[in-house]
């Protein structure tokens, strides 16, 4: 479920940044940046949004090799 706002949010993320995916009942401060993916109430539901994320295998994510301890 990518849209322009979500794509921009992901592209601007830095090390240590966090995105929370939640449903409409989650308490969010009024000052927080929110991206509403709803087309109509409960569409898409949280399970539909989270399914592609849950299907991601962490082995598919590129990571640097582990550092060797200094002696």
Protein backbone atom coordinates (compact mmCIF):
# COMPACT_ATOMS: atom_id res chain seq x y z
CA UNK A 1 0.00 0.00 0.00
CA UNK A 2 2.42 2.65 -1.10
CA UNK A 3 1.22 6.14 -1.77
CA UNK A 4 3.10 9.42 -2.23
CA UNK A 5 3.11 10.34 1.46
CA UNK A 6 4.19 6.87 2.59
CA UNK A 7 6.92 6.70 -0.07
CA UNK A 8 8.23 10.10 1.04
CA UNK A 9 8.19 9.05 4.70
CA UNK A 10 10.15 5.88 3.96
CA UNK A 11 12.65 7.71 1.74
CA UNK A 12 13.32 10.35 4.40
CA UNK A 13 13.96 7.85 7.19
CA UNK A 14 17.36 7.82 8.80
CA UNK A 15 19.19 5.45 11.11
CA UNK A 16 17.12 4.86 14.22
CA UNK A 17 13.89 6.27 12.77
CA UNK A 18 10.72 4.30 13.36
CA UNK A 19 7.42 3.88 11.56
CA UNK A 20 4.44 2.57 13.49
CA UNK A 21 1.72 0.77 11.55
CA UNK A 22 -1.50 0.76 13.57
CA UNK A 23 -5.25 0.81 13.27
CA UNK A 24 -7.53 3.78 13.80
CA UNK A 25 -7.95 3.04 17.51
CA UNK A 26 -4.27 3.57 18.36
CA UNK A 27 -3.74 6.66 20.54
CA UNK A 28 -1.58 9.08 18.56
CA UNK A 29 -0.57 12.55 19.76
CA UNK A 30 -2.14 15.32 17.69
CA UNK A 31 1.38 16.59 16.88
CA UNK A 32 2.53 13.29 15.30
CA UNK A 33 2.88 12.99 11.53
CA UNK A 34 0.18 10.56 10.38
CA UNK A 35 -0.48 8.95 7.03
CA UNK A 36 -3.99 7.56 6.69
CA UNK A 37 -4.18 4.70 4.18
CA UNK A 38 -7.93 4.20 4.59
CA UNK A 39 -10.12 4.29 1.52
CA UNK A 40 -13.25 3.94 3.65
CA UNK A 41 -13.47 2.97 7.34
CA UNK A 42 -11.70 -0.37 7.95
CA UNK A 43 -10.44 -0.67 4.35
CA UNK A 44 -7.69 -1.70 4.19
CA UNK A 45 -7.73 -3.48 7.52
CA UNK A 46 -4.57 -3.71 9.62
CA UNK A 47 -4.03 -7.37 8.74
CA UNK A 48 -4.01 -6.56 5.01
CA UNK A 49 -1.47 -3.78 5.52
CA UNK A 50 0.80 -5.88 7.74
CA UNK A 51 0.72 -9.10 5.65
CA UNK A 52 3.39 -8.02 3.12
CA UNK A 53 5.61 -6.77 5.95
CA UNK A 54 5.24 -10.05 7.85
CA UNK A 55 6.04 -12.01 4.69
CA UNK A 56 9.39 -10.23 4.35
CA UNK A 57 12.26 -12.57 5.10
CA UNK A 58 15.04 -10.83 6.97
CA UNK A 59 17.63 -12.86 5.06
CA UNK A 60 16.56 -10.91 1.95
CA UNK A 61 17.67 -7.66 3.55
CA UNK A 62 21.22 -6.59 2.72
CA UNK A 63 23.39 -6.13 5.78
CA UNK A 64 27.11 -5.56 6.21
CA UNK A 65 29.17 -8.55 7.33
CA UNK A 66 29.73 -8.85 11.09
CA UNK A 67 32.76 -7.01 12.45
CA UNK A 68 35.69 -9.00 13.71
CA UNK A 69 36.61 -8.25 17.33
CA UNK A 70 39.74 -6.17 17.78
CA UNK A 71 42.58 -7.86 19.57
